[in-house]
């Protein structure tokens, strides 16, 4: 049962990651209208997201080796949730890029 819960948690995290990666390009036209974002802002949103994903991916692998996979997994899931909420609540392209 314990292994099944671990498998479900990892599968859910993989699903969240896949949904998050594919949602940014799809939502750009909406961001342009709702936040009055220009082309430069939209480029920054995509670039910041790509840089954040790659930097976090490489860093968490190293941290997981040093501090334990379960601990780092839980910390990153909480961090992912908090930053997702923050990005969902912002009202400008600038704060979305920061988030």
PDB file of N, CA and C in Angstrom:
ATOM      1  N   UNK A   1       0.827  -1.204   0.000  1.00  0.00           N
ATOM      2  CA  UNK A   1       0.000   0.000   0.000  1.00  0.00           C
ATOM      3  C   UNK A   1       0.866   1.262   0.000  1.00  0.00           C
ATOM      4  N   UNK A   2       1.972   1.227   0.777  1.00  0.00           N
ATOM      5  CA  UNK A   2       2.859   2.378   0.860  1.00  0.00           C
ATOM      6  C   UNK A   2       3.485   2.698  -0.494  1.00  0.00           C
ATOM      7  N   UNK A   3       3.879   1.637  -1.227  1.00  0.00           N
ATOM      8  CA  UNK A   3       4.452   1.842  -2.557  1.00  0.00           C
ATOM      9  C   UNK A   3       3.423   2.404  -3.535  1.00  0.00           C
ATOM     10  N   UNK A   4       2.184   1.987  -3.379  1.00  0.00           N
ATOM     11  CA  UNK A   4       1.120   2.478  -4.261  1.00  0.00           C
ATOM     12  C   UNK A   4       0.889   3.963  -4.032  1.00  0.00           C
ATOM     13  N   UNK A   5       0.906   4.415  -2.782  1.00  0.00           N
ATOM     14  CA  UNK A   5       0.741   5.841  -2.484  1.00  0.00           C
ATOM     15  C   UNK A   5       1.895   6.664  -3.052  1.00  0.00           C
ATOM     16  N   UNK A   6       3.097   6.141  -2.930  1.00  0.00           N
ATOM     17  CA  UNK A   6       4.263   6.834  -3.480  1.00  0.00           C
ATOM     18  C   UNK A   6       4.145   6.938  -5.000  1.00  0.00           C
ATOM     19  N   UNK A   7       3.738   5.860  -5.641  1.00  0.00           N
ATOM     20  CA  UNK A   7       3.560   5.862  -7.096  1.00  0.00           C
ATOM     21  C   UNK A   7       2.488   6.873  -7.511  1.00  0.00           C
ATOM     22  N   UNK A   8       1.384   6.922  -6.778  1.00  0.00           N
ATOM     23  CA  UNK A   8       0.312   7.869  -7.091  1.00  0.00           C
ATOM     24  C   UNK A   8       0.790   9.313  -6.914  1.00  0.00           C
ATOM     25  N   UNK A   9       1.581   9.573  -5.889  1.00  0.00           N
ATOM     26  CA  UNK A   9       2.100  10.926  -5.657  1.00  0.00           C
ATOM     27  C   UNK A   9       3.020  11.355  -6.782  1.00  0.00           C
ATOM     28  N   UNK A  10       3.888  10.468  -7.221  1.00  0.00           N
ATOM     29  CA  UNK A  10       4.806  10.794  -8.310  1.00  0.00           C
ATOM     30  C   UNK A  10       4.040  10.988  -9.621  1.00  0.00           C
ATOM     31  N   UNK A  11       3.054  10.148  -9.869  1.00  0.00           N
ATOM     32  CA  UNK A  11       2.246  10.292 -11.090  1.00  0.00           C
ATOM     33  C   UNK A  11       1.466  11.606 -11.082  1.00  0.00           C
ATOM     34  N   UNK A  12       0.927  11.981  -9.937  1.00  0.00           N
ATOM     35  CA  UNK A  12       0.212  13.248  -9.827  1.00  0.00           C
ATOM     36  C   UNK A  12       1.152  14.429 -10.066  1.00  0.00           C
ATOM     37  N   UNK A  13       2.358  14.357  -9.529  1.00  0.00           N
ATOM     38  CA  UNK A  13       3.339  15.418  -9.745  1.00  0.00           C
ATOM     39  C   UNK A  13       3.731  15.506 -11.212  1.00  0.00           C
ATOM     40  N   UNK A  14       3.900  14.376 -11.874  1.00  0.00           N
ATOM     41  CA  UNK A  14       4.227  14.372 -13.298  1.00  0.00           C
ATOM     42  C   UNK A  14       3.080  14.968 -14.114  1.00  0.00           C
ATOM     43  N   UNK A  15       1.860  14.664 -13.737  1.00  0.00           N
ATOM     44  CA  UNK A  15       0.700  15.234 -14.411  1.00  0.00           C
ATOM     45  C   UNK A  15       0.653  16.745 -14.221  1.00  0.00           C
ATOM     46  N   UNK A  16       0.891  17.196 -12.997  1.00  0.00           N
ATOM     47  CA  UNK A  16       0.900  18.645 -12.729  1.00  0.00           C
ATOM     48  C   UNK A  16       1.973  19.344 -13.559  1.00  0.00           C
ATOM     49  N   UNK A  17       3.133  18.744 -13.635  1.00  0.00           N
ATOM     50  CA  UNK A  17       4.233  19.329 -14.399  1.00  0.00           C
ATOM     51  C   UNK A  17       3.877  19.417 -15.882  1.00  0.00           C
ATOM     52  N   UNK A  18       3.336  18.354 -16.413  1.00  0.00           N
ATOM     53  CA  UNK A  18       2.940  18.359 -17.823  1.00  0.00           C
ATOM     54  C   UNK A  18       1.863  19.383 -18.130  1.00  0.00           C
ATOM     55  N   UNK A  19       0.885  19.498 -17.249  1.00  0.00           N
ATOM     56  CA  UNK A  19      -0.169  20.488 -17.442  1.00  0.00           C
ATOM     57  C   UNK A  19       0.382  21.908 -17.357  1.00  0.00           C
ATOM     58  N   UNK A  20       1.272  22.124 -16.421  1.00  0.00           N
ATOM     59  CA  UNK A  20       1.838  23.460 -16.231  1.00  0.00           C
ATOM     60  C   UNK A  20       2.690  23.881 -17.422  1.00  0.00           C
ATOM     61  N   UNK A  21       3.495  22.972 -17.937  1.00  0.00           N
ATOM     62  CA  UNK A  21       4.365  23.290 -19.076  1.00  0.00           C
ATOM     63  C   UNK A  21       3.535  23.611 -20.310  1.00  0.00           C
ATOM     64  N   UNK A  22       2.480  22.861 -20.539  1.00  0.00           N
ATOM     65  CA  UNK A  22       1.682  23.088 -21.743  1.00  0.00           C
ATOM     66  C   UNK A  22       0.720  24.259 -21.596  1.00  0.00           C
ATOM     67  N   UNK A  23       0.476  24.733 -20.388  1.00  0.00           N
ATOM     68  CA  UNK A  23      -0.506  25.804 -20.212  1.00  0.00           C
ATOM     69  C   UNK A  23       0.035  27.180 -20.560  1.00  0.00           C
ATOM     70  N   UNK A  24       1.322  27.404 -20.406  1.00  0.00           N
ATOM     71  CA  UNK A  24       1.869  28.745 -20.623  1.00  0.00           C
ATOM     72  C   UNK A  24       1.707  29.201 -22.077  1.00  0.00           C
ATOM     73  N   UNK A  25       2.137  28.432 -23.083  1.00  0.00           N
ATOM     74  CA  UNK A  25       1.949  28.909 -24.463  1.00  0.00           C
ATOM     75  C   UNK A  25       0.473  29.087 -24.843  1.00  0.00           C
ATOM     76  N   UNK A  26      -0.383  28.245 -24.303  1.00  0.00           N
ATOM     77  CA  UNK A  26      -1.811  28.308 -24.644  1.00  0.00           C
ATOM     78  C   UNK A  26      -2.455  29.571 -24.085  1.00  0.00           C
ATOM     79  N   UNK A  27      -2.011  30.021 -22.928  1.00  0.00           N
ATOM     80  CA  UNK A  27      -2.653  31.141 -22.248  1.00  0.00           C
ATOM     81  C   UNK A  27      -2.113  32.501 -22.695  1.00  0.00           C
ATOM     82  N   UNK A  28      -1.068  32.549 -23.510  1.00  0.00           N
ATOM     83  CA  UNK A  28      -0.471  33.828 -23.902  1.00  0.00           C
ATOM     84  C   UNK A  28      -1.460  34.812 -24.537  1.00  0.00           C
ATOM     85  N   UNK A  29      -2.341  34.377 -25.448  1.00  0.00           N
ATOM     86  CA  UNK A  29      -3.305  35.344 -25.995  1.00  0.00           C
ATOM     87  C   UNK A  29      -4.233  35.946 -24.929  1.00  0.00           C
ATOM     88  N   UNK A  30      -4.605  35.147 -23.957  1.00  0.00           N
ATOM     89  CA  UNK A  30      -5.459  35.638 -22.871  1.00  0.00           C
ATOM     90  C   UNK A  30      -4.678  36.635 -22.013  1.00  0.00           C
ATOM     91  N   UNK A  31      -3.435  36.325 -21.720  1.00  0.00           N
ATOM     92  CA  UNK A  31      -2.597  37.242 -20.939  1.00  0.00           C
ATOM     93  C   UNK A  31      -2.430  38.572 -21.670  1.00  0.00           C
ATOM     94  N   UNK A  32      -2.280  38.495 -22.972  1.00  0.00           N
ATOM     95  CA  UNK A  32      -2.129  39.720 -23.763  1.00  0.00           C
ATOM     96  C   UNK A  32      -3.357  40.617 -23.609  1.00  0.00           C
ATOM     97  N   UNK A  33      -4.530  40.035 -23.617  1.00  0.00           N
ATOM     98  CA  UNK A  33      -5.755  40.817 -23.498  1.00  0.00           C
ATOM     99  C   UNK A  33      -6.027  41.250 -22.065  1.00  0.00           C
ATOM    100  N   UNK A  34      -5.967  40.323 -21.133  1.00  0.00           N
ATOM    101  CA  UNK A  34      -6.361  40.604 -19.746  1.00  0.00           C
ATOM    102  C   UNK A  34      -5.372  41.506 -19.012  1.00  0.00           C
ATOM    103  N   UNK A  35      -4.085  41.332 -19.295  1.00  0.00           N
ATOM    104  CA  UNK A  35      -3.062  42.106 -18.591  1.00  0.00           C
ATOM    105  C   UNK A  35      -2.482  43.224 -19.445  1.00  0.00           C
ATOM    106  N   UNK A  36      -3.051  43.416 -20.626  1.00  0.00           N
ATOM    107  CA  UNK A  36      -2.543  44.404 -21.564  1.00  0.00           C
ATOM    108  C   UNK A  36      -1.033  44.231 -21.755  1.00  0.00           C
ATOM    109  N   UNK A  37      -0.615  42.966 -21.897  1.00  0.00           N
ATOM    110  CA  UNK A  37       0.801  42.639 -22.069  1.00  0.00           C
ATOM    111  C   UNK A  37       1.187  42.821 -23.528  1.00  0.00           C
ATOM    112  N   UNK A  38       2.359  43.413 -23.743  1.00  0.00           N
ATOM    113  CA  UNK A  38       2.851  43.550 -25.107  1.00  0.00           C
ATOM    114  C   UNK A  38       3.709  42.332 -25.467  1.00  0.00           C
ATOM    115  N   UNK A  39       4.221  42.333 -26.685  1.00  0.00           N
ATOM    116  CA  UNK A  39       4.980  41.185 -27.176  1.00  0.00           C
ATOM    117  C   UNK A  39       6.220  40.934 -26.322  1.00  0.00           C
ATOM    118  N   UNK A  40       6.888  42.002 -25.905  1.00  0.00           N
ATOM    119  CA  UNK A  40       8.082  41.867 -25.070  1.00  0.00           C
ATOM    120  C   UNK A  40       7.733  41.211 -23.724  1.00  0.00           C
ATOM    121  N   UNK A  41       6.626  41.622 -23.129  1.00  0.00           N
ATOM    122  CA  UNK A  41       6.186  41.014 -21.867  1.00  0.00           C
ATOM    123  C   UNK A  41       5.918  39.524 -22.038  1.00  0.00           C
ATOM    124  N   UNK A  42       5.260  39.169 -23.131  1.00  0.00           N
ATOM    125  CA  UNK A  42       4.948  37.760 -23.383  1.00  0.00           C
ATOM    126  C   UNK A  42       6.218  36.937 -23.584  1.00  0.00           C
ATOM    127  N   UNK A  43       7.215  37.540 -24.252  1.00  0.00           N
ATOM    128  CA  UNK A  43       8.490  36.849 -24.404  1.00  0.00           C
ATOM    129  C   UNK A  43       9.150  36.634 -23.050  1.00  0.00           C
ATOM    130  N   UNK A  44       9.103  37.654 -22.190  1.00  0.00           N
ATOM    131  CA  UNK A  44       9.684  37.532 -20.863  1.00  0.00           C
ATOM    132  C   UNK A  44       8.964  36.476 -20.031  1.00  0.00           C
ATOM    133  N   UNK A  45       7.656  36.401 -20.171  1.00  0.00           N
ATOM    134  CA  UNK A  45       6.892  35.384 -19.437  1.00  0.00           C
ATOM    135  C   UNK A  45       7.363  33.990 -19.848  1.00  0.00           C
ATOM    136  N   UNK A  46       7.469  33.736 -21.138  1.00  0.00           N
ATOM    137  CA  UNK A  46       7.933  32.430 -21.622  1.00  0.00           C
ATOM    138  C   UNK A  46       9.372  32.159 -21.200  1.00  0.00           C
ATOM    139  N   UNK A  47      10.244  33.149 -21.338  1.00  0.00           N
ATOM    140  CA  UNK A  47      11.651  32.955 -20.984  1.00  0.00           C
ATOM    141  C   UNK A  47      11.828  32.723 -19.485  1.00  0.00           C
ATOM    142  N   UNK A  48      11.142  33.507 -18.673  1.00  0.00           N
ATOM    143  CA  UNK A  48      11.251  33.338 -17.224  1.00  0.00           C
ATOM    144  C   UNK A  48      10.747  31.963 -16.806  1.00  0.00           C
ATOM    145  N   UNK A  49       9.665  31.522 -17.415  1.00  0.00           N
ATOM    146  CA  UNK A  49       9.122  30.206 -17.075  1.00  0.00           C
ATOM    147  C   UNK A  49      10.095  29.098 -17.472  1.00  0.00           C
ATOM    148  N   UNK A  50      10.656  29.196 -18.674  1.00  0.00           N
ATOM    149  CA  UNK A  50      11.602  28.182 -19.145  1.00  0.00           C
ATOM    150  C   UNK A  50      12.851  28.143 -18.269  1.00  0.00           C
ATOM    151  N   UNK A  51      13.393  29.314 -17.956  1.00  0.00           N
ATOM    152  CA  UNK A  51      14.579  29.378 -17.101  1.00  0.00           C
ATOM    153  C   UNK A  51      14.292  28.818 -15.708  1.00  0.00           C
ATOM    154  N   UNK A  52      13.147  29.169 -15.155  1.00  0.00           N
ATOM    155  CA  UNK A  52      12.794  28.678 -13.821  1.00  0.00           C
ATOM    156  C   UNK A  52      12.655  27.166 -13.818  1.00  0.00           C
ATOM    157  N   UNK A  53      11.999  26.616 -14.804  1.00  0.00           N
ATOM    158  CA  UNK A  53      11.810  25.161 -14.862  1.00  0.00           C
ATOM    159  C   UNK A  53      13.138  24.425 -14.981  1.00  0.00           C
ATOM    160  N   UNK A  54      14.005  24.892 -15.853  1.00  0.00           N
ATOM    161  CA  UNK A  54      15.276  24.187 -16.042  1.00  0.00           C
ATOM    162  C   UNK A  54      16.189  24.347 -14.837  1.00  0.00           C
ATOM    163  N   UNK A  55      16.238  25.531 -14.257  1.00  0.00           N
ATOM    164  CA  UNK A  55      17.101  25.753 -13.093  1.00  0.00           C
ATOM    165  C   UNK A  55      16.625  24.932 -11.900  1.00  0.00           C
ATOM    166  N   UNK A  56      15.333  24.917 -11.672  1.00  0.00           N
ATOM    167  CA  UNK A  56      14.785  24.158 -10.544  1.00  0.00           C
ATOM    168  C   UNK A  56      14.981  22.664 -10.758  1.00  0.00           C
ATOM    169  N   UNK A  57      14.813  22.197 -11.970  1.00  0.00           N
ATOM    170  CA  UNK A  57      14.975  20.775 -12.254  1.00  0.00           C
ATOM    171  C   UNK A  57      16.388  20.309 -11.940  1.00  0.00           C
ATOM    172  N   UNK A  58      17.376  21.070 -12.377  1.00  0.00           N
ATOM    173  CA  UNK A  58      18.765  20.676 -12.129  1.00  0.00           C
ATOM    174  C   UNK A  58      19.112  20.798 -10.653  1.00  0.00           C
ATOM    175  N   UNK A  59      18.659  21.853 -10.008  1.00  0.00           N
ATOM    176  CA  UNK A  59      18.979  22.058  -8.592  1.00  0.00           C
ATOM    177  C   UNK A  59      18.314  21.009  -7.706  1.00  0.00           C
ATOM    178  N   UNK A  60      17.080  20.662  -7.990  1.00  0.00           N
ATOM    179  CA  UNK A  60      16.388  19.695  -7.134  1.00  0.00           C
ATOM    180  C   UNK A  60      16.989  18.304  -7.248  1.00  0.00           C
ATOM    181  N   UNK A  61      17.529  17.963  -8.400  1.00  0.00           N
ATOM    182  CA  UNK A  61      18.197  16.667  -8.528  1.00  0.00           C
ATOM    183  C   UNK A  61      19.387  16.564  -7.595  1.00  0.00           C
ATOM    184  N   UNK A  62      20.187  17.618  -7.554  1.00  0.00           N
ATOM    185  CA  UNK A  62      21.347  17.643  -6.667  1.00  0.00           C
ATOM    186  C   UNK A  62      20.913  17.673  -5.205  1.00  0.00           C
ATOM    187  N   UNK A  63      19.933  18.505  -4.888  1.00  0.00           N
ATOM    188  CA  UNK A  63      19.450  18.579  -3.512  1.00  0.00           C
ATOM    189  C   UNK A  63      18.849  17.257  -3.050  1.00  0.00           C
ATOM    190  N   UNK A  64      18.142  16.582  -3.939  1.00  0.00           N
ATOM    191  CA  UNK A  64      17.542  15.294  -3.586  1.00  0.00           C
ATOM    192  C   UNK A  64      18.615  14.255  -3.275  1.00  0.00           C
ATOM    193  N   UNK A  65      19.723  14.290  -4.010  1.00  0.00           N
ATOM    194  CA  UNK A  65      20.820  13.369  -3.722  1.00  0.00           C
ATOM    195  C   UNK A  65      21.433  13.644  -2.357  1.00  0.00           C
ATOM    196  N   UNK A  66      21.487  14.908  -1.975  1.00  0.00           N
ATOM    197  CA  UNK A  66      22.133  15.284  -0.713  1.00  0.00           C
ATOM    198  C   UNK A  66      21.203  15.205   0.494  1.00  0.00           C
ATOM    199  N   UNK A  67      19.931  15.557   0.340  1.00  0.00           N
ATOM    200  CA  UNK A  67      19.028  15.690   1.483  1.00  0.00           C
ATOM    201  C   UNK A  67      17.872  14.696   1.492  1.00  0.00           C
ATOM    202  N   UNK A  68      17.776  13.872   0.486  1.00  0.00           N
ATOM    203  CA  UNK A  68      16.710  12.870   0.445  1.00  0.00           C
ATOM    204  C   UNK A  68      15.631  13.235  -0.555  1.00  0.00           C
ATOM    205  N   UNK A  69      15.273  12.252  -1.321  1.00  0.00           N
ATOM    206  CA  UNK A  69      14.301  12.489  -2.391  1.00  0.00           C
ATOM    207  C   UNK A  69      12.914  12.851  -1.864  1.00  0.00           C
ATOM    208  N   UNK A  70      12.477  12.182  -0.823  1.00  0.00           N
ATOM    209  CA  UNK A  70      11.136  12.437  -0.285  1.00  0.00           C
ATOM    210  C   UNK A  70      11.025  13.858   0.258  1.00  0.00           C
ATOM    211  N   UNK A  71      12.014  14.283   1.034  1.00  0.00           N
ATOM    212  CA  UNK A  71      11.997  15.629   1.614  1.00  0.00           C
ATOM    213  C   UNK A  71      11.976  16.700   0.521  1.00  0.00           C
ATOM    214  N   UNK A  72      12.846  16.564  -0.463  1.00  0.00           N
ATOM    215  CA  UNK A  72      12.917  17.561  -1.538  1.00  0.00           C
ATOM    216  C   UNK A  72      11.661  17.512  -2.395  1.00  0.00           C
ATOM    217  N   UNK A  73      11.126  16.322  -2.621  1.00  0.00           N
ATOM    218  CA  UNK A  73       9.879  16.198  -3.384  1.00  0.00           C
ATOM    219  C   UNK A  73       8.756  16.966  -2.703  1.00  0.00           C
ATOM    220  N   UNK A  74       8.610  16.777  -1.398  1.00  0.00           N
ATOM    221  CA  UNK A  74       7.545  17.468  -0.661  1.00  0.00           C
ATOM    222  C   UNK A  74       7.758  18.984  -0.656  1.00  0.00           C
ATOM    223  N   UNK A  75       8.999  19.416  -0.467  1.00  0.00           N
ATOM    224  CA  UNK A  75       9.295  20.852  -0.472  1.00  0.00           C
ATOM    225  C   UNK A  75       8.983  21.458  -1.833  1.00  0.00           C
ATOM    226  N   UNK A  76       9.357  20.770  -2.906  1.00  0.00           N
ATOM    227  CA  UNK A  76       9.114  21.325  -4.237  1.00  0.00           C
ATOM    228  C   UNK A  76       7.628  21.320  -4.604  1.00  0.00           C
ATOM    229  N   UNK A  77       6.879  20.334  -4.137  1.00  0.00           N
ATOM    230  CA  UNK A  77       5.432  20.325  -4.395  1.00  0.00           C
ATOM    231  C   UNK A  77       4.771  21.520  -3.698  1.00  0.00           C
ATOM    232  N   UNK A  78       5.169  21.776  -2.465  1.00  0.00           N
ATOM    233  CA  UNK A  78       4.619  22.930  -1.746  1.00  0.00           C
ATOM    234  C   UNK A  78       5.035  24.228  -2.440  1.00  0.00           C
ATOM    235  N   UNK A  79       6.302  24.323  -2.825  1.00  0.00           N
ATOM    236  CA  UNK A  79       6.773  25.516  -3.536  1.00  0.00           C
ATOM    237  C   UNK A  79       6.052  25.726  -4.859  1.00  0.00           C
ATOM    238  N   UNK A  80       5.834  24.639  -5.581  1.00  0.00           N
ATOM    239  CA  UNK A  80       5.105  24.700  -6.847  1.00  0.00           C
ATOM    240  C   UNK A  80       3.686  25.210  -6.626  1.00  0.00           C
ATOM    241  N   UNK A  81       3.039  24.697  -5.603  1.00  0.00           N
ATOM    242  CA  UNK A  81       1.672  25.133  -5.300  1.00  0.00           C
ATOM    243  C   UNK A  81       1.613  26.599  -4.923  1.00  0.00           C
ATOM    244  N   UNK A  82       2.545  27.039  -4.080  1.00  0.00           N
ATOM    245  CA  UNK A  82       2.551  28.443  -3.651  1.00  0.00           C
ATOM    246  C   UNK A  82       2.833  29.390  -4.807  1.00  0.00           C
ATOM    247  N   UNK A  83       3.804  29.054  -5.639  1.00  0.00           N
ATOM    248  CA  UNK A  83       4.102  29.941  -6.773  1.00  0.00           C
ATOM    249  C   UNK A  83       2.975  29.912  -7.807  1.00  0.00           C
ATOM    250  N   UNK A  84       2.302  28.781  -7.948  1.00  0.00           N
ATOM    251  CA  UNK A  84       1.162  28.723  -8.869  1.00  0.00           C
ATOM    252  C   UNK A  84       0.024  29.611  -8.384  1.00  0.00           C
ATOM    253  N   UNK A  85      -0.242  29.575  -7.087  1.00  0.00           N
ATOM    254  CA  UNK A  85      -1.273  30.457  -6.522  1.00  0.00           C
ATOM    255  C   UNK A  85      -0.873  31.920  -6.710  1.00  0.00           C
ATOM    256  N   UNK A  86       0.390  32.228  -6.438  1.00  0.00           N
ATOM    257  CA  UNK A  86       0.867  33.602  -6.613  1.00  0.00           C
ATOM    258  C   UNK A  86       0.684  34.068  -8.053  1.00  0.00           C
ATOM    259  N   UNK A  87       1.067  33.216  -9.007  1.00  0.00           N
ATOM    260  CA  UNK A  87       0.925  33.588 -10.418  1.00  0.00           C
ATOM    261  C   UNK A  87      -0.542  33.735 -10.814  1.00  0.00           C
ATOM    262  N   UNK A  88      -1.397  32.954 -10.202  1.00  0.00           N
ATOM    263  CA  UNK A  88      -2.822  33.050 -10.496  1.00  0.00           C
ATOM    264  C   UNK A  88      -3.471  34.304  -9.943  1.00  0.00           C
ATOM    265  N   UNK A  89      -2.877  34.892  -8.919  1.00  0.00           N
ATOM    266  CA  UNK A  89      -3.472  36.066  -8.275  1.00  0.00           C
ATOM    267  C   UNK A  89      -2.897  37.404  -8.747  1.00  0.00           C
ATOM    268  N   UNK A  90      -1.812  37.376  -9.490  1.00  0.00           N
ATOM    269  CA  UNK A  90      -1.196  38.638  -9.905  1.00  0.00           C
ATOM    270  C   UNK A  90      -2.070  39.350 -10.929  1.00  0.00           C
ATOM    271  N   UNK A  91      -1.873  40.658 -11.013  1.00  0.00           N
ATOM    272  CA  UNK A  91      -2.690  41.436 -11.936  1.00  0.00           C
ATOM    273  C   UNK A  91      -1.908  42.115 -13.051  1.00  0.00           C
ATOM    274  N   UNK A  92      -0.588  41.879 -13.099  1.00  0.00           N
ATOM    275  CA  UNK A  92       0.201  42.512 -14.153  1.00  0.00           C
ATOM    276  C   UNK A  92       1.238  41.532 -14.680  1.00  0.00           C
ATOM    277  N   UNK A  93       1.702  41.817 -15.884  1.00  0.00           N
ATOM    278  CA  UNK A  93       2.707  40.955 -16.517  1.00  0.00           C
ATOM    279  C   UNK A  93       4.001  40.977 -15.724  1.00  0.00           C
ATOM    280  N   UNK A  94       4.359  42.126 -15.148  1.00  0.00           N
ATOM    281  CA  UNK A  94       5.595  42.235 -14.375  1.00  0.00           C
ATOM    282  C   UNK A  94       5.614  41.236 -13.225  1.00  0.00           C
ATOM    283  N   UNK A  95       4.540  41.176 -12.466  1.00  0.00           N
ATOM    284  CA  UNK A  95       4.486  40.267 -11.316  1.00  0.00           C
ATOM    285  C   UNK A  95       4.374  38.818 -11.741  1.00  0.00           C
ATOM    286  N   UNK A  96       3.797  38.589 -12.893  1.00  0.00           N
ATOM    287  CA  UNK A  96       3.744  37.223 -13.427  1.00  0.00           C
ATOM    288  C   UNK A  96       5.141  36.762 -13.792  1.00  0.00           C
ATOM    289  N   UNK A  97       5.940  37.617 -14.374  1.00  0.00           N
ATOM    290  CA  UNK A  97       7.322  37.290 -14.698  1.00  0.00           C
ATOM    291  C   UNK A  97       8.114  37.024 -13.425  1.00  0.00           C
ATOM    292  N   UNK A  98       7.924  37.834 -12.411  1.00  0.00           N
ATOM    293  CA  UNK A  98       8.611  37.634 -11.133  1.00  0.00           C
ATOM    294  C   UNK A  98       8.198  36.297 -10.516  1.00  0.00           C
ATOM    295  N   UNK A  99       6.926  35.990 -10.581  1.00  0.00           N
ATOM    296  CA  UNK A  99       6.411  34.732 -10.004  1.00  0.00           C
ATOM    297  C   UNK A  99       6.894  33.521 -10.748  1.00  0.00           C
TER     298      UNK A  99
END
